[in-house]
N, C-alpha and C. Protein backbone atom coordinates (compact mmCIF):
# COMPACT_ATOMS: atom_id res chain seq x y z
N MET A 1 -11.12 2.03 -6.37
CA MET A 1 -11.27 2.09 -4.53
C MET A 1 -10.62 3.09 -4.42
N TYR A 2 -11.57 3.98 -3.33
CA TYR A 2 -11.50 5.53 -3.40
C TYR A 2 -11.03 5.37 -2.11
N VAL A 3 -9.94 5.99 -1.15
CA VAL A 3 -8.83 6.01 -0.06
C VAL A 3 -9.00 7.53 0.27
N VAL A 4 -9.25 7.25 1.94
CA VAL A 4 -9.36 8.67 2.01
C VAL A 4 -7.81 8.49 3.41
N ILE A 5 -6.49 9.03 3.10
CA ILE A 5 -5.74 9.21 4.20
C ILE A 5 -5.30 10.42 4.54
N MET A 6 -5.02 10.19 6.25
CA MET A 6 -5.11 11.61 7.40
C MET A 6 -3.52 11.33 7.31
N GLY A 7 -2.75 12.64 7.30
CA GLY A 7 -1.43 12.32 7.59
C GLY A 7 -0.66 12.92 6.40
N CYS A 8 -0.27 13.51 5.96
CA CYS A 8 0.50 14.01 4.80
C CYS A 8 2.66 13.96 4.73
N GLY A 9 2.60 13.56 5.83
CA GLY A 9 3.94 13.55 6.64
C GLY A 9 4.95 12.45 5.22
N ARG A 10 6.33 11.69 5.52
CA ARG A 10 6.36 10.89 4.27
C ARG A 10 6.20 9.71 4.20
N VAL A 11 5.23 8.78 5.29
CA VAL A 11 4.79 7.22 4.96
C VAL A 11 3.21 8.23 4.25
N GLY A 12 2.61 8.77 5.03
CA GLY A 12 0.79 9.87 4.46
C GLY A 12 1.30 9.50 2.37
N SER A 13 2.27 10.58 2.29
CA SER A 13 2.95 10.89 1.08
C SER A 13 3.59 9.63 0.05
N SER A 14 3.65 9.08 0.72
CA SER A 14 3.74 7.73 0.19
C SER A 14 3.25 6.89 -0.35
N LEU A 15 2.66 6.69 0.72
CA LEU A 15 1.48 5.97 0.22
C LEU A 15 0.35 6.30 -0.58
N ALA A 16 -0.08 7.58 -0.66
CA ALA A 16 -1.11 8.49 -1.32
C ALA A 16 0.03 8.22 -2.67
N GLN A 17 1.03 8.03 -3.14
CA GLN A 17 1.44 7.94 -4.25
C GLN A 17 1.41 6.61 -4.79
N ALA A 18 1.99 5.89 -3.96
CA ALA A 18 1.49 4.13 -4.17
C ALA A 18 0.46 3.80 -5.04
N LEU A 19 -0.37 4.04 -3.63
CA LEU A 19 -1.95 3.82 -4.19
C LEU A 19 -2.69 4.71 -5.47
N VAL A 20 -2.19 5.87 -6.40
CA VAL A 20 -2.67 6.05 -6.92
C VAL A 20 -2.16 5.53 -8.27
N ARG A 21 -0.12 5.70 -8.38
CA ARG A 21 0.54 4.45 -9.15
C ARG A 21 -0.31 3.15 -9.47
N VAL A 22 -1.05 2.64 -8.27
CA VAL A 22 -2.13 1.23 -9.12
C VAL A 22 -2.69 1.84 -9.34
N GLY A 23 -3.28 2.59 -9.14
CA GLY A 23 -4.93 2.72 -10.27
C GLY A 23 -5.99 3.29 -9.11
N HIS A 24 -5.42 3.30 -8.10
CA HIS A 24 -6.94 3.83 -6.22
C HIS A 24 -6.94 4.97 -7.01
N GLU A 25 -8.49 5.74 -6.49
CA GLU A 25 -8.49 7.43 -6.33
C GLU A 25 -8.15 7.84 -5.06
N VAL A 26 -7.38 9.19 -4.68
CA VAL A 26 -6.74 9.45 -3.30
C VAL A 26 -7.20 10.60 -2.32
N THR A 27 -7.89 10.82 -1.55
CA THR A 27 -7.64 11.91 -1.15
C THR A 27 -7.00 12.19 0.18
N VAL A 28 -5.92 13.46 0.93
CA VAL A 28 -5.19 13.33 1.57
C VAL A 28 -5.32 14.73 2.20
N ILE A 29 -5.89 14.27 3.70
CA ILE A 29 -6.25 15.59 4.56
C ILE A 29 -4.59 15.66 5.62
N ASP A 30 -4.14 16.95 5.86
CA ASP A 30 -3.53 17.06 6.35
C ASP A 30 -3.90 18.51 7.19
N ARG A 31 -3.43 19.22 8.20
CA ARG A 31 -4.19 20.72 9.28
C ARG A 31 -2.75 21.74 8.58
N ASP A 32 -1.35 20.99 8.37
CA ASP A 32 -0.73 22.32 7.01
C ASP A 32 -0.87 21.80 5.66
N SER A 33 -1.14 23.15 5.53
CA SER A 33 -1.27 22.63 3.46
C SER A 33 -0.12 22.79 3.31
N SER A 34 0.98 22.98 4.07
CA SER A 34 2.34 23.32 2.79
C SER A 34 3.37 21.53 3.24
N ALA A 35 2.49 20.43 3.50
CA ALA A 35 2.73 19.20 3.47
C ALA A 35 2.57 18.50 2.61
N PHE A 36 1.51 18.86 1.89
CA PHE A 36 0.77 18.68 0.35
C PHE A 36 1.84 19.28 -0.58
N LEU A 37 3.05 19.57 -0.55
CA LEU A 37 4.38 19.63 -1.23
C LEU A 37 4.89 18.54 -1.12
N ARG A 38 4.33 17.65 -0.57
CA ARG A 38 5.52 16.09 -0.78
C ARG A 38 4.95 15.25 -1.82
N LEU A 39 3.81 15.43 -2.28
CA LEU A 39 2.93 15.02 -2.63
C LEU A 39 2.80 15.14 -4.66
N GLY A 40 3.66 16.22 -4.47
CA GLY A 40 4.05 16.34 -6.15
C GLY A 40 2.97 17.26 -6.62
N SER A 41 3.78 18.36 -7.61
CA SER A 41 2.82 18.87 -8.80
C SER A 41 2.27 18.16 -9.66
N ASP A 42 2.26 17.28 -9.61
CA ASP A 42 0.93 16.07 -10.31
C ASP A 42 0.60 15.03 -10.04
N PHE A 43 0.30 15.16 -7.91
CA PHE A 43 -1.00 14.47 -7.69
C PHE A 43 -1.48 14.49 -8.68
N PRO A 44 -2.16 13.62 -9.19
CA PRO A 44 -3.75 13.56 -8.99
C PRO A 44 -5.06 13.57 -8.24
N GLY A 45 -4.97 13.33 -6.76
CA GLY A 45 -5.92 13.04 -5.88
C GLY A 45 -6.71 14.84 -5.37
N GLU A 46 -6.97 14.73 -4.32
CA GLU A 46 -7.71 16.01 -3.54
C GLU A 46 -7.03 15.91 -2.31
N GLN A 47 -6.54 17.32 -2.32
CA GLN A 47 -6.45 17.48 -0.87
C GLN A 47 -6.94 18.60 0.19
N VAL A 48 -7.14 18.37 1.69
CA VAL A 48 -7.69 18.69 2.81
C VAL A 48 -7.40 19.29 3.50
N THR A 49 -6.95 20.49 3.14
CA THR A 49 -6.39 21.22 4.76
C THR A 49 -7.43 21.30 6.02
N GLY A 50 -7.22 20.59 6.68
CA GLY A 50 -7.95 20.37 8.40
C GLY A 50 -7.81 18.90 9.40
N VAL A 51 -9.01 19.22 10.01
CA VAL A 51 -8.02 17.97 11.23
C VAL A 51 -8.51 17.08 10.35
N GLY A 52 -8.36 15.64 10.85
CA GLY A 52 -8.04 14.17 10.10
C GLY A 52 -9.89 13.54 10.75
N PHE A 53 -9.83 14.12 12.37
CA PHE A 53 -10.69 13.67 12.87
C PHE A 53 -12.17 14.25 12.73
N ASP A 54 -12.54 15.62 12.66
CA ASP A 54 -13.54 16.52 12.40
C ASP A 54 -13.80 15.41 11.60
N ARG A 55 -15.64 16.08 11.99
CA ARG A 55 -16.77 15.25 11.40
C ARG A 55 -16.82 15.97 9.80
N ASP A 56 -17.12 16.78 9.30
CA ASP A 56 -16.86 18.39 8.03
C ASP A 56 -15.83 18.13 7.47
N VAL A 57 -14.81 17.34 8.07
CA VAL A 57 -13.33 17.84 7.26
C VAL A 57 -13.29 16.36 6.36
N LEU A 58 -14.10 15.01 7.07
CA LEU A 58 -13.71 14.39 6.37
C LEU A 58 -15.13 13.76 5.37
N ILE A 59 -16.24 14.93 5.51
CA ILE A 59 -17.07 14.73 5.28
C ILE A 59 -16.64 15.32 3.44
N LYS A 60 -15.93 16.32 3.53
CA LYS A 60 -15.21 16.78 2.84
C LYS A 60 -14.35 15.93 1.71
N ALA A 61 -13.85 15.56 2.55
CA ALA A 61 -12.82 14.14 1.71
C ALA A 61 -13.25 13.34 1.38
N GLY A 62 -14.57 12.88 1.53
CA GLY A 62 -15.65 12.30 0.87
C GLY A 62 -16.03 10.69 1.32
N ILE A 63 -15.26 11.01 2.57
CA ILE A 63 -15.68 9.93 3.96
C ILE A 63 -16.80 8.98 3.52
N GLU A 64 -17.91 9.73 3.18
CA GLU A 64 -19.15 8.93 3.23
C GLU A 64 -19.01 8.13 1.81
N ARG A 65 -17.70 8.33 0.98
CA ARG A 65 -17.54 6.46 0.11
C ARG A 65 -16.49 6.10 -0.37
N ALA A 66 -15.83 6.32 1.29
CA ALA A 66 -14.53 5.95 1.15
C ALA A 66 -14.84 4.45 1.20
N ASN A 67 -13.50 3.69 0.58
CA ASN A 67 -13.69 1.94 0.73
C ASN A 67 -12.61 1.85 2.07
N ALA A 68 -11.96 2.78 1.56
CA ALA A 68 -10.85 2.54 2.79
C ALA A 68 -10.53 3.55 3.10
N PHE A 69 -9.47 3.86 5.03
CA PHE A 69 -9.20 5.26 5.11
C PHE A 69 -8.07 4.83 6.37
N ALA A 70 -6.96 5.23 6.51
CA ALA A 70 -5.85 5.74 6.34
C ALA A 70 -5.45 6.65 7.98
N ALA A 71 -4.97 6.06 9.17
CA ALA A 71 -4.55 7.17 9.57
C ALA A 71 -2.92 7.26 9.89
N VAL A 72 -2.73 8.18 9.93
CA VAL A 72 -0.65 8.13 9.49
C VAL A 72 0.01 9.42 9.59
N SER A 73 -0.97 10.44 10.78
CA SER A 73 -0.31 11.35 11.32
C SER A 73 0.97 11.21 12.74
N SER A 74 1.22 12.34 12.64
CA SER A 74 2.46 11.89 13.51
C SER A 74 1.67 11.79 14.76
N GLY A 75 0.83 11.87 15.40
CA GLY A 75 -0.44 11.53 16.61
C GLY A 75 -1.32 10.43 16.90
N ASP A 76 -0.80 9.35 18.14
CA ASP A 76 -1.67 8.24 18.04
C ASP A 76 -2.94 8.95 18.73
N ASN A 77 -3.05 10.08 19.25
CA ASN A 77 -4.70 9.76 19.84
C ASN A 77 -5.04 9.97 18.09
N SER A 78 -4.44 11.53 17.74
CA SER A 78 -5.41 11.76 16.37
C SER A 78 -5.98 10.76 15.84
N ASN A 79 -4.30 9.55 15.03
CA ASN A 79 -4.78 8.47 14.23
C ASN A 79 -5.51 7.59 14.74
N ILE A 80 -5.93 7.50 16.25
CA ILE A 80 -6.82 6.49 16.90
C ILE A 80 -8.30 6.80 16.54
N ILE A 81 -8.97 8.30 16.90
CA ILE A 81 -9.75 8.89 16.68
C ILE A 81 -10.73 9.30 15.93
N SER A 82 -8.93 9.45 14.42
CA SER A 82 -9.70 9.76 13.10
C SER A 82 -10.43 8.39 12.96
N ALA A 83 -9.53 7.06 13.83
CA ALA A 83 -9.40 5.77 13.08
C ALA A 83 -10.86 5.26 13.11
N ARG A 84 -11.15 5.77 14.47
CA ARG A 84 -13.18 5.30 15.14
C ARG A 84 -14.19 5.94 14.53
N VAL A 85 -13.34 6.77 13.78
CA VAL A 85 -15.00 7.91 13.68
C VAL A 85 -14.47 7.36 11.97
N ALA A 86 -14.35 7.16 11.57
CA ALA A 86 -14.23 6.13 10.06
C ALA A 86 -14.91 5.13 10.55
N ARG A 87 -14.47 4.64 11.00
CA ARG A 87 -15.27 3.05 10.92
C ARG A 87 -16.78 2.57 11.57
N GLU A 88 -16.64 3.42 13.04
CA GLU A 88 -17.85 3.45 13.75
C GLU A 88 -19.26 4.77 13.69
N MET A 89 -19.22 5.95 12.74
CA MET A 89 -19.52 6.93 12.75
C MET A 89 -19.49 6.49 10.84
N PHE A 90 -19.15 6.01 10.01
CA PHE A 90 -19.42 6.59 8.73
C PHE A 90 -19.34 4.83 7.90
N GLY A 91 -18.66 3.74 8.74
CA GLY A 91 -19.00 2.80 8.35
C GLY A 91 -18.20 2.32 7.22
N VAL A 92 -16.76 2.89 7.32
CA VAL A 92 -15.69 2.33 6.23
C VAL A 92 -15.51 1.22 6.54
N GLU A 93 -15.03 0.61 6.05
CA GLU A 93 -14.83 -1.55 5.91
C GLU A 93 -13.51 -1.49 6.58
N ARG A 94 -12.67 -0.92 5.37
CA ARG A 94 -11.20 -0.83 6.06
C ARG A 94 -10.25 0.61 6.77
N VAL A 95 -10.34 -0.21 7.52
CA VAL A 95 -9.36 1.37 8.35
C VAL A 95 -7.48 0.66 8.77
N VAL A 96 -7.11 1.51 8.65
CA VAL A 96 -5.67 1.21 9.18
C VAL A 96 -5.36 2.61 9.73
N ALA A 97 -5.00 2.28 10.84
CA ALA A 97 -3.90 3.58 12.05
C ALA A 97 -2.66 3.45 12.26
N ARG A 98 -1.74 3.87 12.28
CA ARG A 98 -0.16 4.12 13.23
C ARG A 98 0.09 4.49 14.14
N ILE A 99 0.54 3.59 14.91
CA ILE A 99 0.56 4.14 16.05
C ILE A 99 2.08 3.40 16.77
N TYR A 100 2.37 4.92 17.48
CA TYR A 100 4.04 4.77 17.59
C TYR A 100 4.46 3.84 19.02
N ASP A 101 3.64 4.34 20.13
CA ASP A 101 2.94 2.88 20.68
C ASP A 101 2.55 2.00 20.79
N ALA A 102 3.69 0.99 20.74
CA ALA A 102 3.37 -0.92 20.90
C ALA A 102 2.14 -0.51 21.81
N LYS A 103 1.97 -0.54 23.03
CA LYS A 103 1.21 -0.90 24.24
C LYS A 103 0.33 -0.54 23.92
N ARG A 104 0.20 0.82 23.65
CA ARG A 104 -1.51 1.28 22.96
C ARG A 104 -2.20 0.71 21.86
N ALA A 105 -1.02 -0.19 20.35
CA ALA A 105 -0.75 -0.58 19.53
C ALA A 105 -2.20 -1.82 19.64
N ALA A 106 -1.58 -2.68 20.91
CA ALA A 106 -1.94 -3.77 21.51
C ALA A 106 -4.00 -3.30 22.03
N VAL A 107 -4.63 -2.18 22.74
CA VAL A 107 -5.28 -1.88 22.89
C VAL A 107 -6.73 -1.84 21.92
N TYR A 108 -5.51 -0.81 21.06
CA TYR A 108 -6.71 -0.64 19.82
C TYR A 108 -6.60 -1.50 18.72
N GLU A 109 -6.17 -3.07 18.78
CA GLU A 109 -6.33 -3.82 17.82
C GLU A 109 -7.63 -4.67 18.32
N ARG A 110 -7.52 -4.43 19.77
CA ARG A 110 -8.78 -5.05 20.80
C ARG A 110 -10.29 -4.78 20.10
N LEU A 111 -10.32 -3.22 19.62
CA LEU A 111 -10.94 -3.14 19.11
C LEU A 111 -11.49 -3.03 17.50
N GLY A 112 -10.78 -3.59 16.99
CA GLY A 112 -10.82 -4.39 16.22
C GLY A 112 -10.46 -3.59 14.93
N ILE A 113 -9.58 -2.83 15.03
CA ILE A 113 -8.70 -1.87 13.51
C ILE A 113 -6.95 -1.71 14.24
N PRO A 114 -6.94 -2.10 13.10
CA PRO A 114 -5.19 -2.68 12.95
C PRO A 114 -4.42 -1.82 12.72
N THR A 115 -3.83 -2.39 13.80
CA THR A 115 -2.63 -0.73 13.94
C THR A 115 -1.23 -1.15 13.20
N ILE A 116 -0.51 -0.18 12.93
CA ILE A 116 0.93 -0.47 12.25
C ILE A 116 1.74 0.38 12.18
N ALA A 117 3.38 0.01 12.90
CA ALA A 117 3.90 0.27 13.98
C ALA A 117 5.23 1.32 13.44
N THR A 118 5.31 2.11 13.47
CA THR A 118 6.94 2.50 12.67
C THR A 118 8.19 1.99 12.74
N VAL A 119 7.83 1.15 11.58
CA VAL A 119 9.40 -0.10 11.16
C VAL A 119 9.84 0.55 9.51
N PRO A 120 10.09 0.32 9.37
CA PRO A 120 10.46 0.45 7.61
C PRO A 120 10.16 -0.13 6.28
N TRP A 121 8.75 -0.07 6.69
CA TRP A 121 7.99 -1.07 5.76
C TRP A 121 6.81 -0.93 5.87
N THR A 122 6.07 0.07 6.60
CA THR A 122 4.82 1.01 7.09
C THR A 122 4.52 1.19 5.46
N THR A 123 5.05 1.62 4.25
CA THR A 123 3.86 1.35 3.27
C THR A 123 3.43 0.58 2.80
N ASP A 124 3.94 -0.41 2.63
CA ASP A 124 3.80 -1.84 2.43
C ASP A 124 2.90 -1.81 2.69
N ARG A 125 2.73 -2.75 4.24
CA ARG A 125 1.53 -2.48 5.14
C ARG A 125 0.63 -2.14 5.37
N PHE A 126 1.00 -1.08 4.83
CA PHE A 126 -0.26 0.26 5.45
C PHE A 126 -0.90 -0.68 3.09
N LEU A 127 -0.70 0.02 2.17
CA LEU A 127 -0.57 -0.86 0.86
C LEU A 127 -1.91 -1.93 0.90
N ARG A 128 -1.00 -2.94 1.28
CA ARG A 128 -1.48 -4.19 1.38
C ARG A 128 -2.97 -4.57 2.55
N ALA A 129 -3.01 -3.57 3.65
CA ALA A 129 -3.52 -3.60 4.23
C ALA A 129 -5.52 -2.88 4.04
N LEU A 130 -5.04 -2.38 2.92
CA LEU A 130 -6.35 -1.25 2.76
C LEU A 130 -6.46 -1.76 0.82
N ILE A 131 -5.64 -2.39 0.65
CA ILE A 131 -6.52 -3.02 -0.79
C ILE A 131 -6.65 -3.95 -0.66
N GLY A 132 -6.71 -4.96 0.64
CA GLY A 132 -7.11 -5.94 0.65
C GLY A 132 -5.96 -7.58 0.59
N ASP A 133 -5.02 -7.18 -0.07
CA ASP A 133 -4.18 -7.85 -0.06
C ASP A 133 -3.73 -8.52 1.19
N THR A 134 -3.72 -9.89 1.34
CA THR A 134 -3.59 -10.68 2.90
C THR A 134 -2.10 -11.88 2.59
N GLY A 135 -1.99 -11.89 1.57
CA GLY A 135 -0.16 -12.41 1.50
C GLY A 135 0.71 -11.52 2.53
N THR A 136 1.79 -12.65 2.34
CA THR A 136 2.16 -12.48 4.00
C THR A 136 4.12 -12.17 2.75
N THR A 137 5.07 -11.05 2.85
CA THR A 137 6.20 -12.08 2.90
C THR A 137 6.82 -12.90 3.35
N THR A 138 7.68 -13.56 2.00
CA THR A 138 8.47 -14.40 2.24
C THR A 138 9.73 -14.39 3.43
N TRP A 139 10.44 -13.60 3.38
CA TRP A 139 11.58 -13.36 3.62
C TRP A 139 11.60 -11.89 3.54
N ARG A 140 12.47 -11.27 4.44
CA ARG A 140 12.85 -9.86 4.50
C ARG A 140 14.35 -9.38 4.85
N ASP A 141 15.78 -9.19 4.53
CA ASP A 141 16.21 -9.17 5.90
C ASP A 141 16.69 -8.57 6.94
N PRO A 142 17.75 -8.67 7.86
CA PRO A 142 17.12 -8.06 9.17
C PRO A 142 17.26 -6.94 9.40
N THR A 143 18.10 -6.08 8.45
CA THR A 143 17.55 -4.36 8.78
C THR A 143 16.54 -3.68 8.25
N GLY A 144 15.71 -5.00 7.23
CA GLY A 144 14.05 -4.47 6.94
C GLY A 144 14.62 -3.97 6.25
N THR A 145 15.44 -3.48 4.70
CA THR A 145 16.07 -3.54 3.83
C THR A 145 15.06 -3.11 2.26
N VAL A 146 15.27 -5.41 2.63
CA VAL A 146 14.97 -5.82 0.91
C VAL A 146 13.94 -7.36 1.60
N ALA A 147 12.85 -7.06 0.66
CA ALA A 147 11.97 -8.29 0.85
C ALA A 147 11.49 -9.38 -0.04
N VAL A 148 11.56 -10.59 -0.05
CA VAL A 148 11.15 -11.71 -1.08
C VAL A 148 9.78 -11.86 -0.19
N THR A 149 9.11 -11.86 -2.20
CA THR A 149 7.32 -11.86 -1.70
C THR A 149 6.86 -12.86 -2.85
N GLN A 150 5.93 -13.53 -2.86
CA GLN A 150 5.90 -14.34 -3.91
C GLN A 150 4.83 -13.07 -4.65
N LEU A 151 4.45 -13.03 -6.34
CA LEU A 151 2.92 -12.31 -6.63
C LEU A 151 2.35 -13.22 -7.75
N THR A 152 1.14 -12.75 -7.28
CA THR A 152 -0.26 -13.28 -7.93
C THR A 152 0.00 -12.37 -9.46
N LEU A 153 0.14 -13.20 -10.72
CA LEU A 153 -0.27 -12.58 -12.08
C LEU A 153 -1.10 -12.38 -12.69
N HIS A 154 -1.27 -11.68 -13.04
CA HIS A 154 -2.13 -11.45 -14.12
C HIS A 154 -2.38 -12.49 -15.42
N GLU A 155 -3.10 -12.72 -15.66
CA GLU A 155 -2.65 -14.66 -16.62
C GLU A 155 -2.31 -13.63 -18.00
N GLU A 156 -2.74 -12.64 -18.30
CA GLU A 156 -1.79 -12.17 -19.84
C GLU A 156 -0.39 -11.37 -19.63
N TRP A 157 0.40 -11.92 -18.34
CA TRP A 157 1.73 -11.97 -17.76
C TRP A 157 2.69 -13.19 -18.95
N TYR A 158 1.66 -14.19 -18.90
CA TYR A 158 1.76 -15.32 -19.47
C TYR A 158 2.93 -15.88 -21.06
N GLY A 159 3.60 -15.71 -20.67
CA GLY A 159 4.40 -15.77 -22.73
C GLY A 159 5.34 -14.75 -22.32
N ARG A 160 5.44 -13.43 -21.35
CA ARG A 160 5.82 -12.07 -21.50
C ARG A 160 6.94 -13.15 -20.71
N THR A 161 8.19 -11.79 -21.09
CA THR A 161 9.47 -11.83 -20.51
C THR A 161 9.74 -11.91 -18.27
N VAL A 162 11.01 -12.36 -18.63
CA VAL A 162 11.12 -11.81 -16.69
C VAL A 162 11.29 -9.88 -17.29
N ARG A 163 11.99 -9.72 -17.59
CA ARG A 163 12.04 -8.60 -18.03
C ARG A 163 11.10 -7.64 -18.34
N ASP A 164 9.85 -8.65 -19.04
CA ASP A 164 9.32 -6.29 -18.88
C ASP A 164 8.43 -6.63 -17.79
N LEU A 165 8.65 -8.24 -17.01
CA LEU A 165 7.56 -7.88 -15.47
C LEU A 165 8.19 -7.37 -14.37
N GLU A 166 10.13 -6.99 -14.56
CA GLU A 166 10.31 -6.35 -13.76
C GLU A 166 10.57 -4.69 -14.16
N GLN A 167 10.53 -4.30 -15.59
CA GLN A 167 10.78 -3.14 -15.99
C GLN A 167 8.96 -2.54 -15.13
N THR A 168 8.24 -3.86 -14.97
CA THR A 168 6.43 -3.17 -14.35
C THR A 168 6.06 -2.77 -13.06
N VAL A 169 6.95 -3.80 -12.07
CA VAL A 169 6.84 -4.00 -11.03
C VAL A 169 7.57 -3.30 -10.19
N ALA A 170 8.90 -2.99 -11.07
CA ALA A 170 10.22 -2.29 -10.70
C ALA A 170 10.69 -2.95 -9.51
N ALA A 171 11.08 -4.23 -9.39
CA ALA A 171 11.69 -5.42 -8.85
C ALA A 171 11.80 -6.26 -9.31
N ARG A 172 12.96 -7.37 -8.95
CA ARG A 172 13.76 -8.15 -9.65
C ARG A 172 13.08 -9.59 -8.98
N VAL A 173 12.85 -10.11 -10.43
CA VAL A 173 12.39 -11.36 -10.43
C VAL A 173 14.05 -12.70 -9.66
N ALA A 174 14.07 -12.98 -8.63
CA ALA A 174 14.67 -14.08 -7.82
C ALA A 174 14.36 -15.11 -7.87
N PHE A 175 13.15 -15.42 -8.56
CA PHE A 175 13.35 -16.74 -8.87
C PHE A 175 11.84 -17.49 -9.33
N ILE A 176 11.30 -18.78 -9.47
CA ILE A 176 10.41 -18.79 -9.93
C ILE A 176 10.32 -21.08 -9.45
N ILE A 177 8.84 -20.87 -8.68
CA ILE A 177 8.81 -22.61 -9.10
C ILE A 177 8.03 -23.02 -10.08
N ARG A 178 8.59 -23.97 -11.01
CA ARG A 178 7.57 -24.20 -12.41
C ARG A 178 7.87 -25.88 -12.36
N PHE A 179 6.68 -26.37 -11.81
CA PHE A 179 6.78 -28.35 -11.66
C PHE A 179 7.29 -28.65 -11.05
N GLY A 180 7.00 -27.45 -9.88
CA GLY A 180 7.48 -27.83 -8.21
C GLY A 180 9.17 -28.15 -7.86
N GLN A 181 9.58 -27.01 -8.85
CA GLN A 181 11.22 -27.02 -9.43
C GLN A 181 11.35 -25.60 -9.56
N ALA A 182 13.22 -25.61 -8.42
CA ALA A 182 12.74 -23.67 -8.60
C ALA A 182 14.25 -23.00 -9.45
N LEU A 183 13.49 -22.13 -10.19
CA LEU A 183 14.63 -22.01 -11.47
C LEU A 183 15.00 -20.32 -11.37
N LEU A 184 15.95 -20.00 -11.75
CA LEU A 184 17.45 -18.69 -11.55
C LEU A 184 16.98 -18.27 -12.96
N PRO A 185 16.25 -17.38 -13.03
CA PRO A 185 15.53 -17.00 -14.58
C PRO A 185 16.33 -15.63 -14.67
N ASP A 186 16.61 -15.96 -16.16
CA ASP A 186 17.17 -14.26 -16.83
C ASP A 186 16.40 -13.40 -17.22
N SER A 187 17.01 -12.87 -18.52
CA SER A 187 16.10 -11.57 -18.59
C SER A 187 15.27 -12.20 -19.18
N LYS A 188 15.43 -12.93 -20.75
CA LYS A 188 14.62 -13.66 -21.33
C LYS A 188 13.78 -14.71 -20.97
N THR A 189 13.95 -15.26 -19.90
CA THR A 189 13.03 -16.13 -19.46
C THR A 189 11.43 -15.91 -19.52
N ILE A 190 11.23 -16.73 -20.63
CA ILE A 190 9.45 -16.29 -20.56
C ILE A 190 8.67 -16.35 -19.55
N ILE A 191 7.48 -16.38 -18.90
CA ILE A 191 7.25 -16.63 -17.95
C ILE A 191 5.51 -18.07 -18.73
N GLN A 192 5.60 -18.67 -17.70
CA GLN A 192 4.52 -19.60 -18.48
C GLN A 192 3.40 -19.69 -17.42
N ALA A 193 2.19 -20.11 -17.89
CA ALA A 193 1.13 -20.55 -16.87
C ALA A 193 1.46 -21.31 -15.56
N ASP A 194 1.58 -21.21 -14.59
CA ASP A 194 1.24 -22.22 -13.64
C ASP A 194 2.52 -21.63 -12.96
N ASP A 195 3.47 -20.66 -13.30
CA ASP A 195 4.31 -20.27 -12.67
C ASP A 195 4.35 -19.74 -11.27
N ILE A 196 4.82 -20.17 -10.08
CA ILE A 196 5.09 -19.16 -9.46
C ILE A 196 6.28 -18.26 -9.38
N VAL A 197 6.29 -17.09 -8.84
CA VAL A 197 7.53 -16.03 -9.09
C VAL A 197 7.37 -15.28 -7.65
N TYR A 198 8.51 -15.44 -8.04
CA TYR A 198 8.81 -14.23 -6.12
C TYR A 198 9.99 -13.45 -6.74
N VAL A 199 10.08 -12.03 -6.22
CA VAL A 199 10.43 -10.87 -6.62
C VAL A 199 11.34 -10.78 -5.47
N ALA A 200 12.49 -10.20 -5.35
CA ALA A 200 12.89 -8.97 -4.39
C ALA A 200 12.78 -7.40 -4.92
N ALA A 201 12.74 -6.97 -3.53
CA ALA A 201 12.13 -5.99 -3.72
C ALA A 201 12.52 -4.63 -2.63
N ALA A 202 12.80 -3.20 -2.37
CA ALA A 202 12.91 -2.49 -1.98
C ALA A 202 12.36 -2.00 -0.97
N SER A 203 12.24 -2.68 0.66
CA SER A 203 11.24 -1.37 1.35
C SER A 203 10.87 -0.86 0.72
N GLY A 204 9.26 -0.72 1.13
CA GLY A 204 8.84 0.16 0.48
C GLY A 204 8.13 0.29 -0.83
N ALA A 205 8.59 -1.00 -1.34
CA ALA A 205 7.81 -1.01 -3.04
C ALA A 205 7.21 -2.72 -3.12
N VAL A 206 7.25 -3.18 -2.22
CA VAL A 206 7.28 -4.18 -1.67
C VAL A 206 5.60 -5.01 -2.11
N GLY A 207 4.79 -3.54 -1.76
CA GLY A 207 3.12 -4.02 -1.59
C GLY A 207 2.83 -3.05 -3.32
N GLU A 208 3.33 -2.22 -3.26
CA GLU A 208 3.05 -1.76 -4.98
C GLU A 208 3.35 -2.59 -6.10
N ALA A 209 4.77 -3.33 -5.83
CA ALA A 209 4.72 -5.25 -6.89
C ALA A 209 3.37 -5.95 -6.94
N VAL A 210 3.66 -5.82 -5.96
CA VAL A 210 2.35 -6.90 -5.02
C VAL A 210 0.71 -6.61 -6.47
N ALA A 211 0.23 -5.31 -5.91
CA ALA A 211 -0.49 -4.57 -7.34
C ALA A 211 -0.65 -4.66 -8.51
N LEU A 212 0.58 -3.86 -8.50
CA LEU A 212 0.75 -4.06 -10.14
C LEU A 212 1.05 -4.97 -10.77
N ALA A 213 1.68 -6.94 -10.03
CA ALA A 213 1.86 -7.91 -11.08
C ALA A 213 -0.06 -7.83 -11.22
N THR A 214 -1.15 -7.72 -10.68
CA THR A 214 -2.18 -8.51 -10.23
C THR A 214 -3.05 -7.99 -11.92
N LYS A 215 -2.30 -6.76 -12.09
CA LYS A 215 -2.52 -6.13 -13.65
C LYS A 215 -1.77 -6.45 -14.91
N PRO A 216 -3.02 -6.22 -16.03
CA PRO A 216 -2.41 -6.77 -17.04
C PRO A 216 -1.04 -6.14 -17.03
N PRO A 217 -0.29 -6.45 -18.60
CA PRO A 217 0.99 -5.67 -18.97
C PRO A 217 0.67 -4.76 -19.66
N ALA A 218 0.60 -3.54 -19.85
CA ALA A 218 1.27 -2.78 -20.83
C ALA A 218 1.55 -3.38 -22.39
N SER A 219 0.24 -3.46 -23.32
CA SER A 219 -0.04 -3.74 -24.24
C SER A 219 1.55 -2.99 -25.98
N GLU A 220 2.15 -3.75 -26.36
CA GLU A 220 2.88 -3.18 -27.01
C GLU A 220 3.00 -2.64 -28.85
N ASP A 221 2.46 -1.51 -28.22
CA ASP A 221 2.36 -0.77 -29.69
C ASP A 221 3.69 -0.36 -30.30
């Protein structure tokens, strides 16, 4: 999938890096070229300097072939304008905007543009919205620091150990439902077909864990 992100602050850079890690192509837009330093020198995506709601800047960023667009700058007005341009002018199917003002967010939701407020799990929610994962976190602690969520596993995970899965998704397997019974696994537990696997992960890593679990495990060379 090809994703354009407007804004390279903490959320934008985190989201861009997470999307790249799970195999998507990303271009990031920011009016301040120094903001791209947050992406790191090894970031493989494109970087475009400019205003994210400018038509020419969006075209340069590849908006015409984008499958998804995230507006995550520090300004509500910039985010919603760019989101509407991406949706209405360029027909991008998946568009999400970060909105600080909760009252305004409700208005924009009625315009058909999902909005996400500034909460600790912003990156998780953006990643899930952009890649089309409609699952929800099963539990999150009151501080928003840790979440438990169900994984949808690629079939090649069957026969692999819990340790292998944990190392790949960077999350801890909390429990497994097997034949209708809950199981507390250890690192050597073998994942079986039809297991329902729940993991605990730090906020900001849940969406990435969910995405990585749907991919086959690395080959054992």
